[in-house]
């Protein structure tokens, strides 16, 4: 047995011991919200290190093409669990009140929405008020665009004109000057702008969370069928995930290797930076430290349900009690995963 194989075997045995040994494997299909990029390491790490397997789970992780698609596929039964934006989950519930299998959020991962408005400094935009009368651009399904009425109301922004485009053109149109600003996930659009020759110091970022919009971001969602039939499997998944996520947050560089193993053509330096930006801005945010990783504040969740109902013009009002089930969360010790706060 070579040294590498010995270390892998030892790690797997240690993981099995940590979870009390593996028994019959429960097969679970999990879908991400997007491609295999930096933040996917949070999920790929526990798979690669054998933590899911040690917990008695045989987990398949697939890439996604947006939170809305992930919610729909969990609802259809194609996937047991997924990673999706809470607003997209709320929208599905409110627009499909009679759907028999509406997914439920079981662990908060992005305590704050990554949505932000981004502009180039040369535009003169430095604060939300400067957006009044400007031309903004984003795909019609972009989370930041759909939630913009909340940002708009919180910051007294008026008379905004929207331009729609496919996602790959969003940052290109901003660089060309076709639009004044864009909405998007901060850690995605910033890096996309840099890839188009813009320096980070020449970009203005207005994160929703910093300007009065305390929406939750992405959560782990589960099928109610799975919750009803095998809540222990959900809890085991969350425990293994928390263990892997803690390692990734302590050492993002090592965590990215699990992403590269799934998609060999990724830009390692770029995705490492994307992962670190996501950790700093939405996973280990001040709000997450205050509320506790994985958990939600009931009052904040209720406010979000009301705000999303209005901004998304849903068919029915969103019931926050139907969206969230924290009964399968791991222990407080297991949820103690956030890295030390940066000074």
C-alpha atoms as a PDB file:
ATOM      1  CA  UNK A   1       0.000   0.000   0.000  1.00  0.00           C
ATOM      2  CA  UNK A   2       1.515   3.325  -1.046  1.00  0.00           C
ATOM      3  CA  UNK A   3       1.614   6.279   1.302  1.00  0.00           C
ATOM      4  CA  UNK A   4      -1.197   8.175  -0.427  1.00  0.00           C
ATOM      5  CA  UNK A   5      -3.538   5.184  -0.381  1.00  0.00           C
ATOM      6  CA  UNK A   6      -2.650   4.527   3.252  1.00  0.00           C
ATOM      7  CA  UNK A   7      -3.512   8.114   4.202  1.00  0.00           C
ATOM      8  CA  UNK A   8      -6.813   7.974   2.275  1.00  0.00           C
ATOM      9  CA  UNK A   9      -7.741   4.706   3.971  1.00  0.00           C
ATOM     10  CA  UNK A  10      -6.804   6.072   7.377  1.00  0.00           C
ATOM     11  CA  UNK A  11      -8.890   9.203   6.766  1.00  0.00           C
ATOM     12  CA  UNK A  12     -11.891   7.121   5.713  1.00  0.00           C
ATOM     13  CA  UNK A  13     -11.608   4.917   8.799  1.00  0.00           C
ATOM     14  CA  UNK A  14     -11.308   7.969  11.028  1.00  0.00           C
ATOM     15  CA  UNK A  15     -14.386   9.482   9.423  1.00  0.00           C
ATOM     16  CA  UNK A  16     -16.308   6.261   9.930  1.00  0.00           C
ATOM     17  CA  UNK A  17     -15.316   6.227  13.577  1.00  0.00           C
ATOM     18  CA  UNK A  18     -16.380   9.849  13.989  1.00  0.00           C
ATOM     19  CA  UNK A  19     -19.862   9.062  12.735  1.00  0.00           C
ATOM     20  CA  UNK A  20     -20.198   5.821  14.627  1.00  0.00           C
ATOM     21  CA  UNK A  21     -19.473   3.566  11.680  1.00  0.00           C
ATOM     22  CA  UNK A  22     -21.242   3.145   8.361  1.00  0.00           C
ATOM     23  CA  UNK A  23     -24.135   0.755   7.943  1.00  0.00           C
ATOM     24  CA  UNK A  24     -26.410   0.189   4.949  1.00  0.00           C
ATOM     25  CA  UNK A  25     -25.934   3.127   2.611  1.00  0.00           C
ATOM     26  CA  UNK A  26     -28.944   5.379   1.969  1.00  0.00           C
ATOM     27  CA  UNK A  27     -28.792   6.753  -1.569  1.00  0.00           C
ATOM     28  CA  UNK A  28     -29.416  10.515  -1.838  1.00  0.00           C
ATOM     29  CA  UNK A  29     -29.359  12.733  -4.915  1.00  0.00           C
ATOM     30  CA  UNK A  30     -28.256  16.325  -4.295  1.00  0.00           C
ATOM     31  CA  UNK A  31     -28.298  19.214  -6.763  1.00  0.00           C
ATOM     32  CA  UNK A  32     -26.270  22.399  -6.469  1.00  0.00           C
ATOM     33  CA  UNK A  33     -27.632  25.778  -7.509  1.00  0.00           C
ATOM     34  CA  UNK A  34     -24.970  26.337 -10.142  1.00  0.00           C
ATOM     35  CA  UNK A  35     -21.853  24.970 -11.802  1.00  0.00           C
ATOM     36  CA  UNK A  36     -18.887  23.403 -10.036  1.00  0.00           C
ATOM     37  CA  UNK A  37     -17.350  26.684  -8.896  1.00  0.00           C
ATOM     38  CA  UNK A  38     -15.545  27.696  -5.694  1.00  0.00           C
ATOM     39  CA  UNK A  39     -18.499  27.568  -3.256  1.00  0.00           C
ATOM     40  CA  UNK A  40     -19.314  24.015  -4.391  1.00  0.00           C
ATOM     41  CA  UNK A  41     -16.308  22.933  -2.305  1.00  0.00           C
ATOM     42  CA  UNK A  42     -18.530  23.199   0.776  1.00  0.00           C
ATOM     43  CA  UNK A  43     -20.433  20.159  -0.514  1.00  0.00           C
ATOM     44  CA  UNK A  44     -17.729  18.358  -2.473  1.00  0.00           C
ATOM     45  CA  UNK A  45     -15.368  18.267   0.530  1.00  0.00           C
ATOM     46  CA  UNK A  46     -17.534  15.997   2.726  1.00  0.00           C
ATOM     47  CA  UNK A  47     -18.107  13.745  -0.280  1.00  0.00           C
ATOM     48  CA  UNK A  48     -14.411  13.552  -1.158  1.00  0.00           C
ATOM     49  CA  UNK A  49     -13.347  12.977   2.451  1.00  0.00           C
ATOM     50  CA  UNK A  50     -15.855  10.157   2.922  1.00  0.00           C
ATOM     51  CA  UNK A  51     -17.960  11.945   5.550  1.00  0.00           C
ATOM     52  CA  UNK A  52     -21.269  11.225   3.808  1.00  0.00           C
ATOM     53  CA  UNK A  53     -20.327   7.582   3.342  1.00  0.00           C
ATOM     54  CA  UNK A  54     -19.222   7.294   6.964  1.00  0.00           C
ATOM     55  CA  UNK A  55     -22.634   8.645   7.976  1.00  0.00           C
ATOM     56  CA  UNK A  56     -24.344   5.845   6.056  1.00  0.00           C
ATOM     57  CA  UNK A  57     -25.131   7.888   2.965  1.00  0.00           C
ATOM     58  CA  UNK A  58     -24.392   7.331  -0.707  1.00  0.00           C
ATOM     59  CA  UNK A  59     -24.625  10.936  -1.969  1.00  0.00           C
ATOM     60  CA  UNK A  60     -24.581  11.925  -5.635  1.00  0.00           C
ATOM     61  CA  UNK A  61     -23.824  15.618  -6.216  1.00  0.00           C
ATOM     62  CA  UNK A  62     -24.786  17.234  -9.528  1.00  0.00           C
ATOM     63  CA  UNK A  63     -24.286  20.767 -10.818  1.00  0.00           C
ATOM     64  CA  UNK A  64     -27.319  23.006 -11.355  1.00  0.00           C
ATOM     65  CA  UNK A  65     -28.471  25.836 -13.608  1.00  0.00           C
ATOM     66  CA  UNK A  66     -30.106  28.180 -11.119  1.00  0.00           C
ATOM     67  CA  UNK A  67     -31.962  28.014  -7.821  1.00  0.00           C
ATOM     68  CA  UNK A  68     -35.372  27.932  -9.480  1.00  0.00           C
ATOM     69  CA  UNK A  69     -34.449  24.756 -11.332  1.00  0.00           C
ATOM     70  CA  UNK A  70     -33.092  23.156  -8.166  1.00  0.00           C
ATOM     71  CA  UNK A  71     -36.307  23.856  -6.249  1.00  0.00           C
ATOM     72  CA  UNK A  72     -38.404  22.432  -9.086  1.00  0.00           C
ATOM     73  CA  UNK A  73     -36.324  19.265  -9.348  1.00  0.00           C
ATOM     74  CA  UNK A  74     -36.503  18.593  -5.611  1.00  0.00           C
ATOM     75  CA  UNK A  75     -40.256  19.213  -5.778  1.00  0.00           C
ATOM     76  CA  UNK A  76     -40.594  16.746  -8.652  1.00  0.00           C
ATOM     77  CA  UNK A  77     -38.733  14.032  -6.743  1.00  0.00           C
ATOM     78  CA  UNK A  78     -35.835  13.953  -9.218  1.00  0.00           C
ATOM     79  CA  UNK A  79     -33.569  15.058  -6.367  1.00  0.00           C
ATOM     80  CA  UNK A  80     -33.857  14.422  -2.631  1.00  0.00           C
ATOM     81  CA  UNK A  81     -31.952  17.524  -1.539  1.00  0.00           C
ATOM     82  CA  UNK A  82     -30.578  20.664  -3.079  1.00  0.00           C
ATOM     83  CA  UNK A  83     -28.905  24.021  -2.554  1.00  0.00           C
ATOM     84  CA  UNK A  84     -31.121  26.954  -3.472  1.00  0.00           C
ATOM     85  CA  UNK A  85     -31.932  30.582  -2.801  1.00  0.00           C
ATOM     86  CA  UNK A  86     -34.545  31.038  -0.072  1.00  0.00           C
ATOM     87  CA  UNK A  87     -36.405  33.601  -2.161  1.00  0.00           C
ATOM     88  CA  UNK A  88     -36.724  31.088  -5.013  1.00  0.00           C
ATOM     89  CA  UNK A  89     -38.041  28.510  -2.530  1.00  0.00           C
ATOM     90  CA  UNK A  90     -40.552  31.007  -1.145  1.00  0.00           C
ATOM     91  CA  UNK A  91     -41.667  31.950  -4.640  1.00  0.00           C
ATOM     92  CA  UNK A  92     -42.302  28.298  -5.517  1.00  0.00           C
ATOM     93  CA  UNK A  93     -44.377  27.757  -2.384  1.00  0.00           C
ATOM     94  CA  UNK A  94     -46.497  30.857  -2.972  1.00  0.00           C
ATOM     95  CA  UNK A  95     -47.034  30.259  -6.689  1.00  0.00           C
ATOM     96  CA  UNK A  96     -47.706  26.521  -6.352  1.00  0.00           C
ATOM     97  CA  UNK A  97     -49.895  26.296  -3.228  1.00  0.00           C
ATOM     98  CA  UNK A  98     -51.367  22.946  -4.278  1.00  0.00           C
ATOM     99  CA  UNK A  99     -48.062  21.264  -5.202  1.00  0.00           C
ATOM    100  CA  UNK A 100     -47.925  17.979  -3.262  1.00  0.00           C
ATOM    101  CA  UNK A 101     -44.182  17.961  -2.570  1.00  0.00           C
ATOM    102  CA  UNK A 102     -43.019  21.501  -1.790  1.00  0.00           C
ATOM    103  CA  UNK A 103     -39.355  21.461  -0.646  1.00  0.00           C
ATOM    104  CA  UNK A 104     -38.419  22.775   2.791  1.00  0.00           C
ATOM    105  CA  UNK A 105     -35.237  24.568   3.899  1.00  0.00           C
ATOM    106  CA  UNK A 106     -33.428  22.573   6.594  1.00  0.00           C
ATOM    107  CA  UNK A 107     -30.110  24.439   7.010  1.00  0.00           C
ATOM    108  CA  UNK A 108     -29.087  28.017   6.216  1.00  0.00           C
ATOM    109  CA  UNK A 109     -25.708  28.309   4.462  1.00  0.00           C
ATOM    110  CA  UNK A 110     -25.660  31.809   2.953  1.00  0.00           C
ATOM    111  CA  UNK A 111     -26.964  33.812   5.913  1.00  0.00           C
ATOM    112  CA  UNK A 112     -27.108  36.905   3.695  1.00  0.00           C
ATOM    113  CA  UNK A 113     -28.118  37.130   0.070  1.00  0.00           C
ATOM    114  CA  UNK A 114     -25.088  37.554  -2.210  1.00  0.00           C
ATOM    115  CA  UNK A 115     -27.193  39.898  -4.374  1.00  0.00           C
ATOM    116  CA  UNK A 116     -25.623  43.273  -5.064  1.00  0.00           C
ATOM    117  CA  UNK A 117     -25.660  46.167  -7.489  1.00  0.00           C
ATOM    118  CA  UNK A 118     -22.345  46.609  -9.297  1.00  0.00           C
ATOM    119  CA  UNK A 119     -21.197  49.618 -11.317  1.00  0.00           C
ATOM    120  CA  UNK A 120     -17.937  51.007 -12.643  1.00  0.00           C
ATOM    121  CA  UNK A 121     -16.446  53.903 -10.682  1.00  0.00           C
ATOM    122  CA  UNK A 122     -16.248  56.017 -13.807  1.00  0.00           C
ATOM    123  CA  UNK A 123     -20.066  56.019 -13.909  1.00  0.00           C
ATOM    124  CA  UNK A 124     -20.147  58.246 -10.828  1.00  0.00           C
ATOM    125  CA  UNK A 125     -22.360  55.755  -8.985  1.00  0.00           C
ATOM    126  CA  UNK A 126     -21.146  55.434  -5.391  1.00  0.00           C
ATOM    127  CA  UNK A 127     -24.349  54.898  -3.390  1.00  0.00           C
ATOM    128  CA  UNK A 128     -27.889  53.571  -3.946  1.00  0.00           C
ATOM    129  CA  UNK A 129     -29.364  57.060  -4.459  1.00  0.00           C
ATOM    130  CA  UNK A 130     -27.129  57.473  -7.518  1.00  0.00           C
ATOM    131  CA  UNK A 131     -29.086  54.695  -9.263  1.00  0.00           C
ATOM    132  CA  UNK A 132     -32.175  56.864  -9.696  1.00  0.00           C
ATOM    133  CA  UNK A 133     -32.793  57.520 -13.379  1.00  0.00           C
ATOM    134  CA  UNK A 134     -30.140  54.996 -14.425  1.00  0.00           C
ATOM    135  CA  UNK A 135     -30.265  52.008 -16.763  1.00  0.00           C
ATOM    136  CA  UNK A 136     -29.752  48.680 -14.998  1.00  0.00           C
ATOM    137  CA  UNK A 137     -29.224  45.280 -16.572  1.00  0.00           C
ATOM    138  CA  UNK A 138     -29.630  41.644 -15.540  1.00  0.00           C
ATOM    139  CA  UNK A 139     -31.253  38.433 -16.748  1.00  0.00           C
ATOM    140  CA  UNK A 140     -34.988  38.420 -15.957  1.00  0.00           C
ATOM    141  CA  UNK A 141     -34.546  35.528 -13.500  1.00  0.00           C
ATOM    142  CA  UNK A 142     -31.585  37.053 -11.649  1.00  0.00           C
ATOM    143  CA  UNK A 143     -32.149  36.947  -7.880  1.00  0.00           C
ATOM    144  CA  UNK A 144     -30.858  40.496  -7.439  1.00  0.00           C
ATOM    145  CA  UNK A 145     -33.151  41.851 -10.123  1.00  0.00           C
ATOM    146  CA  UNK A 146     -36.202  40.074  -8.739  1.00  0.00           C
ATOM    147  CA  UNK A 147     -35.463  41.390  -5.250  1.00  0.00           C
ATOM    148  CA  UNK A 148     -34.539  44.867  -6.480  1.00  0.00           C
ATOM    149  CA  UNK A 149     -37.907  46.369  -5.471  1.00  0.00           C
ATOM    150  CA  UNK A 150     -36.954  45.636  -1.845  1.00  0.00           C
ATOM    151  CA  UNK A 151     -33.555  47.332  -2.293  1.00  0.00           C
ATOM    152  CA  UNK A 152     -35.263  50.165  -4.167  1.00  0.00           C
ATOM    153  CA  UNK A 153     -37.795  50.775  -1.413  1.00  0.00           C
ATOM    154  CA  UNK A 154     -35.179  50.616   1.356  1.00  0.00           C
ATOM    155  CA  UNK A 155     -32.996  53.200  -0.373  1.00  0.00           C
ATOM    156  CA  UNK A 156     -35.531  55.512  -2.058  1.00  0.00           C
ATOM    157  CA  UNK A 157     -34.323  54.700  -5.571  1.00  0.00           C
ATOM    158  CA  UNK A 158     -36.663  55.788  -8.362  1.00  0.00           C
ATOM    159  CA  UNK A 159     -37.099  55.764 -12.126  1.00  0.00           C
ATOM    160  CA  UNK A 160     -34.880  52.795 -12.998  1.00  0.00           C
ATOM    161  CA  UNK A 161     -34.981  51.309 -16.519  1.00  0.00           C
ATOM    162  CA  UNK A 162     -34.154  47.631 -17.023  1.00  0.00           C
ATOM    163  CA  UNK A 163     -32.362  45.884 -19.872  1.00  0.00           C
ATOM    164  CA  UNK A 164     -32.545  42.075 -20.084  1.00  0.00           C
ATOM    165  CA  UNK A 165     -29.847  39.784 -21.428  1.00  0.00           C
ATOM    166  CA  UNK A 166     -28.480  36.260 -21.150  1.00  0.00           C
ATOM    167  CA  UNK A 167     -26.133  35.775 -18.157  1.00  0.00           C
ATOM    168  CA  UNK A 168     -22.854  35.711 -20.158  1.00  0.00           C
ATOM    169  CA  UNK A 169     -23.609  39.187 -21.554  1.00  0.00           C
ATOM    170  CA  UNK A 170     -24.364  40.926 -18.246  1.00  0.00           C
ATOM    171  CA  UNK A 171     -20.856  42.075 -17.345  1.00  0.00           C
ATOM    172  CA  UNK A 172     -19.886  42.565 -20.999  1.00  0.00           C
ATOM    173  CA  UNK A 173     -22.706  45.085 -21.478  1.00  0.00           C
ATOM    174  CA  UNK A 174     -21.629  46.943 -18.331  1.00  0.00           C
ATOM    175  CA  UNK A 175     -18.032  47.160 -19.546  1.00  0.00           C
ATOM    176  CA  UNK A 176     -19.209  48.382 -22.966  1.00  0.00           C
ATOM    177  CA  UNK A 177     -21.307  51.096 -21.337  1.00  0.00           C
ATOM    178  CA  UNK A 178     -24.622  49.769 -22.656  1.00  0.00           C
ATOM    179  CA  UNK A 179     -25.971  49.929 -19.097  1.00  0.00           C
ATOM    180  CA  UNK A 180     -25.032  51.926 -15.993  1.00  0.00           C
ATOM    181  CA  UNK A 181     -25.133  49.117 -13.419  1.00  0.00           C
ATOM    182  CA  UNK A 182     -26.007  45.442 -13.021  1.00  0.00           C
ATOM    183  CA  UNK A 183     -27.446  43.182 -10.357  1.00  0.00           C
ATOM    184  CA  UNK A 184     -25.847  39.841  -9.600  1.00  0.00           C
ATOM    185  CA  UNK A 185     -24.103  37.778  -6.951  1.00  0.00           C
ATOM    186  CA  UNK A 186     -21.237  39.952  -5.708  1.00  0.00           C
ATOM    187  CA  UNK A 187     -18.599  37.217  -5.751  1.00  0.00           C
ATOM    188  CA  UNK A 188     -19.587  36.112  -9.257  1.00  0.00           C
ATOM    189  CA  UNK A 189     -20.048  39.409 -11.077  1.00  0.00           C
ATOM    190  CA  UNK A 190     -16.902  40.978  -9.612  1.00  0.00           C
ATOM    191  CA  UNK A 191     -14.731  38.140 -10.900  1.00  0.00           C
ATOM    192  CA  UNK A 192     -16.543  38.194 -14.245  1.00  0.00           C
ATOM    193  CA  UNK A 193     -15.736  41.903 -14.570  1.00  0.00           C
ATOM    194  CA  UNK A 194     -12.076  41.247 -13.762  1.00  0.00           C
ATOM    195  CA  UNK A 195     -12.027  38.558 -16.450  1.00  0.00           C
ATOM    196  CA  UNK A 196     -13.132  41.310 -18.861  1.00  0.00           C
ATOM    197  CA  UNK A 197     -10.184  43.508 -17.975  1.00  0.00           C
ATOM    198  CA  UNK A 198     -11.679  45.629 -15.183  1.00  0.00           C
ATOM    199  CA  UNK A 199      -9.616  46.095 -12.015  1.00  0.00           C
ATOM    200  CA  UNK A 200     -11.330  45.322  -8.699  1.00  0.00           C
ATOM    201  CA  UNK A 201     -10.595  48.840  -7.429  1.00  0.00           C
ATOM    202  CA  UNK A 202     -12.538  50.272 -10.369  1.00  0.00           C
ATOM    203  CA  UNK A 203     -15.745  48.455  -9.407  1.00  0.00           C
ATOM    204  CA  UNK A 204     -18.375  49.805  -7.006  1.00  0.00           C
ATOM    205  CA  UNK A 205     -20.258  47.078  -5.142  1.00  0.00           C
ATOM    206  CA  UNK A 206     -23.474  47.825  -3.258  1.00  0.00           C
ATOM    207  CA  UNK A 207     -24.343  44.590  -1.403  1.00  0.00           C
ATOM    208  CA  UNK A 208     -28.026  44.332  -0.554  1.00  0.00           C
ATOM    209  CA  UNK A 209     -27.133  43.176   2.969  1.00  0.00           C
ATOM    210  CA  UNK A 210     -25.197  46.412   3.597  1.00  0.00           C
ATOM    211  CA  UNK A 211     -28.069  48.622   2.473  1.00  0.00           C
ATOM    212  CA  UNK A 212     -31.030  47.534   4.537  1.00  0.00           C
ATOM    213  CA  UNK A 213     -31.998  44.336   2.701  1.00  0.00           C
ATOM    214  CA  UNK A 214     -31.548  41.459   5.152  1.00  0.00           C
ATOM    215  CA  UNK A 215     -32.727  38.650   2.907  1.00  0.00           C
ATOM    216  CA  UNK A 216     -31.413  35.159   3.531  1.00  0.00           C
ATOM    217  CA  UNK A 217     -29.436  33.613   0.699  1.00  0.00           C
ATOM    218  CA  UNK A 218     -28.965  29.958  -0.173  1.00  0.00           C
ATOM    219  CA  UNK A 219     -30.061  27.102   2.057  1.00  0.00           C
ATOM    220  CA  UNK A 220     -30.018  23.328   1.906  1.00  0.00           C
ATOM    221  CA  UNK A 221     -33.506  22.204   0.934  1.00  0.00           C
ATOM    222  CA  UNK A 222     -35.057  18.769   1.286  1.00  0.00           C
ATOM    223  CA  UNK A 223     -38.026  16.917  -0.099  1.00  0.00           C
ATOM    224  CA  UNK A 224     -40.900  16.602   2.425  1.00  0.00           C
ATOM    225  CA  UNK A 225     -41.112  12.942   1.397  1.00  0.00           C
ATOM    226  CA  UNK A 226     -37.532  12.381   2.552  1.00  0.00           C
ATOM    227  CA  UNK A 227     -38.135  14.364   5.748  1.00  0.00           C
ATOM    228  CA  UNK A 228     -41.173  12.258   6.559  1.00  0.00           C
ATOM    229  CA  UNK A 229     -39.716   8.865   5.636  1.00  0.00           C
ATOM    230  CA  UNK A 230     -36.104   9.277   6.748  1.00  0.00           C
ATOM    231  CA  UNK A 231     -35.392  12.361   8.896  1.00  0.00           C
ATOM    232  CA  UNK A 232     -32.308  10.577  10.243  1.00  0.00           C
ATOM    233  CA  UNK A 233     -30.796  10.620   6.747  1.00  0.00           C
ATOM    234  CA  UNK A 234     -31.352  14.374   6.504  1.00  0.00           C
ATOM    235  CA  UNK A 235     -29.717  14.928   9.880  1.00  0.00           C
ATOM    236  CA  UNK A 236     -26.796  12.679   8.911  1.00  0.00           C
ATOM    237  CA  UNK A 237     -26.350  14.654   5.691  1.00  0.00           C
ATOM    238  CA  UNK A 238     -26.329  17.965   7.550  1.00  0.00           C
ATOM    239  CA  UNK A 239     -23.827  16.703  10.131  1.00  0.00           C
ATOM    240  CA  UNK A 240     -21.440  15.435   7.447  1.00  0.00           C
ATOM    241  CA  UNK A 241     -21.860  18.655   5.471  1.00  0.00           C
ATOM    242  CA  UNK A 242     -21.065  20.797   8.524  1.00  0.00           C
ATOM    243  CA  UNK A 243     -17.897  18.798   9.174  1.00  0.00           C
ATOM    244  CA  UNK A 244     -16.689  19.266   5.597  1.00  0.00           C
ATOM    245  CA  UNK A 245     -17.728  22.924   5.414  1.00  0.00           C
ATOM    246  CA  UNK A 246     -15.708  23.707   8.531  1.00  0.00           C
ATOM    247  CA  UNK A 247     -12.585  22.261   6.904  1.00  0.00           C
ATOM    248  CA  UNK A 248     -13.160  24.246   3.711  1.00  0.00           C
ATOM    249  CA  UNK A 249     -13.570  27.517   5.593  1.00  0.00           C
ATOM    250  CA  UNK A 250     -10.362  26.903   7.530  1.00  0.00           C
ATOM    251  CA  UNK A 251      -8.431  25.981   4.369  1.00  0.00           C
ATOM    252  CA  UNK A 252     -10.133  27.163   1.143  1.00  0.00           C
ATOM    253  CA  UNK A 253      -7.042  26.395  -0.947  1.00  0.00           C
ATOM    254  CA  UNK A 254      -7.256  22.698  -0.078  1.00  0.00           C
ATOM    255  CA  UNK A 255     -11.025  22.733  -0.487  1.00  0.00           C
ATOM    256  CA  UNK A 256     -10.766  23.882  -4.098  1.00  0.00           C
ATOM    257  CA  UNK A 257      -8.967  20.649  -4.956  1.00  0.00           C
ATOM    258  CA  UNK A 258     -12.300  18.845  -4.555  1.00  0.00           C
ATOM    259  CA  UNK A 259     -13.831  21.187  -7.135  1.00  0.00           C
ATOM    260  CA  UNK A 260     -10.956  20.628  -9.538  1.00  0.00           C
ATOM    261  CA  UNK A 261     -11.485  16.886  -9.154  1.00  0.00           C
ATOM    262  CA  UNK A 262     -15.040  17.334 -10.471  1.00  0.00           C
ATOM    263  CA  UNK A 263     -14.194  19.894 -13.164  1.00  0.00           C
ATOM    264  CA  UNK A 264     -10.587  19.708 -14.289  1.00  0.00           C
ATOM    265  CA  UNK A 265     -10.685  22.883 -16.388  1.00  0.00           C
ATOM    266  CA  UNK A 266     -11.528  25.337 -13.595  1.00  0.00           C
ATOM    267  CA  UNK A 267      -9.205  28.264 -12.953  1.00  0.00           C
ATOM    268  CA  UNK A 268      -7.933  27.250  -9.510  1.00  0.00           C
ATOM    269  CA  UNK A 269      -6.769  30.733  -8.447  1.00  0.00           C
ATOM    270  CA  UNK A 270     -10.031  32.328  -9.592  1.00  0.00           C
ATOM    271  CA  UNK A 271     -12.246  29.747  -7.880  1.00  0.00           C
ATOM    272  CA  UNK A 272     -10.217  29.916  -4.676  1.00  0.00           C
ATOM    273  CA  UNK A 273     -10.833  33.653  -4.615  1.00  0.00           C
ATOM    274  CA  UNK A 274     -14.530  33.173  -5.395  1.00  0.00           C
ATOM    275  CA  UNK A 275     -14.826  30.704  -2.520  1.00  0.00           C
ATOM    276  CA  UNK A 276     -13.052  33.074  -0.099  1.00  0.00           C
ATOM    277  CA  UNK A 277     -15.281  35.977  -1.164  1.00  0.00           C
ATOM    278  CA  UNK A 278     -18.380  33.839  -0.597  1.00  0.00           C
ATOM    279  CA  UNK A 279     -17.175  32.742   2.837  1.00  0.00           C
ATOM    280  CA  UNK A 280     -16.353  36.302   3.912  1.00  0.00           C
ATOM    281  CA  UNK A 281     -19.477  37.976   2.555  1.00  0.00           C
ATOM    282  CA  UNK A 282     -22.344  35.534   3.071  1.00  0.00           C
ATOM    283  CA  UNK A 283     -21.332  32.389   4.992  1.00  0.00           C
ATOM    284  CA  UNK A 284     -19.268  33.806   7.868  1.00  0.00           C
ATOM    285  CA  UNK A 285     -20.968  37.209   7.800  1.00  0.00           C
ATOM    286  CA  UNK A 286     -21.671  39.228  10.964  1.00  0.00           C
ATOM    287  CA  UNK A 287     -25.329  38.176  10.747  1.00  0.00           C
ATOM    288  CA  UNK A 288     -24.323  34.507  10.574  1.00  0.00           C
ATOM    289  CA  UNK A 289     -22.112  34.887  13.633  1.00  0.00           C
ATOM    290  CA  UNK A 290     -24.959  36.551  15.507  1.00  0.00           C
ATOM    291  CA  UNK A 291     -27.648  34.010  14.587  1.00  0.00           C
ATOM    292  CA  UNK A 292     -25.476  30.896  14.468  1.00  0.00           C
ATOM    293  CA  UNK A 293     -24.414  28.951  11.381  1.00  0.00           C
ATOM    294  CA  UNK A 294     -27.196  26.906   9.842  1.00  0.00           C
ATOM    295  CA  UNK A 295     -29.997  28.645  11.703  1.00  0.00           C
ATOM    296  CA  UNK A 296     -32.522  31.401  11.015  1.00  0.00           C
ATOM    297  CA  UNK A 297     -34.088  34.180  13.039  1.00  0.00           C
ATOM    298  CA  UNK A 298     -37.901  33.720  12.965  1.00  0.00           C
ATOM    299  CA  UNK A 299     -38.626  37.450  12.850  1.00  0.00           C
ATOM    300  CA  UNK A 300     -36.188  38.030  10.024  1.00  0.00           C
ATOM    301  CA  UNK A 301     -37.588  35.053   8.107  1.00  0.00           C
ATOM    302  CA  UNK A 302     -41.136  36.401   8.498  1.00  0.00           C
ATOM    303  CA  UNK A 303     -40.075  39.827   7.249  1.00  0.00           C
ATOM    304  CA  UNK A 304     -38.382  38.236   4.243  1.00  0.00           C
ATOM    305  CA  UNK A 305     -41.529  36.224   3.459  1.00  0.00           C
ATOM    306  CA  UNK A 306     -43.554  39.435   3.422  1.00  0.00           C
ATOM    307  CA  UNK A 307     -40.991  41.330   1.341  1.00  0.00           C
ATOM    308  CA  UNK A 308     -40.650  38.531  -1.233  1.00  0.00           C
ATOM    309  CA  UNK A 309     -44.438  38.190  -1.484  1.00  0.00           C
ATOM    310  CA  UNK A 310     -44.618  41.871  -2.455  1.00  0.00           C
ATOM    311  CA  UNK A 311     -41.503  42.132  -4.637  1.00  0.00           C
ATOM    312  CA  UNK A 312     -42.180  38.918  -6.559  1.00  0.00           C
ATOM    313  CA  UNK A 313     -45.954  39.557  -6.772  1.00  0.00           C
ATOM    314  CA  UNK A 314     -46.675  35.957  -5.773  1.00  0.00           C
ATOM    315  CA  UNK A 315     -50.075  34.335  -6.271  1.00  0.00           C
ATOM    316  CA  UNK A 316     -50.492  33.731  -2.535  1.00  0.00           C
ATOM    317  CA  UNK A 317     -48.771  35.175   0.538  1.00  0.00           C
ATOM    318  CA  UNK A 318     -45.749  33.242   1.734  1.00  0.00           C
ATOM    319  CA  UNK A 319     -46.114  31.328   4.991  1.00  0.00           C
ATOM    320  CA  UNK A 320     -42.655  31.312   6.650  1.00  0.00           C
ATOM    321  CA  UNK A 321     -43.643  28.368   8.864  1.00  0.00           C
ATOM    322  CA  UNK A 322     -44.067  26.195   5.771  1.00  0.00           C
ATOM    323  CA  UNK A 323     -40.640  27.133   4.382  1.00  0.00           C
ATOM    324  CA  UNK A 324     -38.345  26.181   7.264  1.00  0.00           C
ATOM    325  CA  UNK A 325     -37.768  23.078   9.393  1.00  0.00           C
ATOM    326  CA  UNK A 326     -34.789  23.295  11.746  1.00  0.00           C
ATOM    327  CA  UNK A 327     -35.625  20.106  13.655  1.00  0.00           C
ATOM    328  CA  UNK A 328     -32.909  18.060  11.919  1.00  0.00           C
ATOM    329  CA  UNK A 329     -30.040  20.494  12.479  1.00  0.00           C
ATOM    330  CA  UNK A 330     -26.924  19.023  14.102  1.00  0.00           C
ATOM    331  CA  UNK A 331     -25.870  19.879  17.650  1.00  0.00           C
ATOM    332  CA  UNK A 332     -24.520  23.310  18.570  1.00  0.00           C
ATOM    333  CA  UNK A 333     -21.021  21.837  18.752  1.00  0.00           C
ATOM    334  CA  UNK A 334     -21.304  20.443  15.221  1.00  0.00           C
ATOM    335  CA  UNK A 335     -22.604  23.794  13.968  1.00  0.00           C
ATOM    336  CA  UNK A 336     -19.605  25.614  15.412  1.00  0.00           C
ATOM    337  CA  UNK A 337     -17.950  25.759  11.994  1.00  0.00           C
ATOM    338  CA  UNK A 338     -17.304  29.424  11.250  1.00  0.00           C
ATOM    339  CA  UNK A 339     -13.642  30.439  11.078  1.00  0.00           C
ATOM    340  CA  UNK A 340     -12.279  33.020  13.519  1.00  0.00           C
ATOM    341  CA  UNK A 341     -13.463  36.526  12.696  1.00  0.00           C
ATOM    342  CA  UNK A 342     -10.919  38.582  10.762  1.00  0.00           C
ATOM    343  CA  UNK A 343      -9.515  41.547  12.649  1.00  0.00           C
END
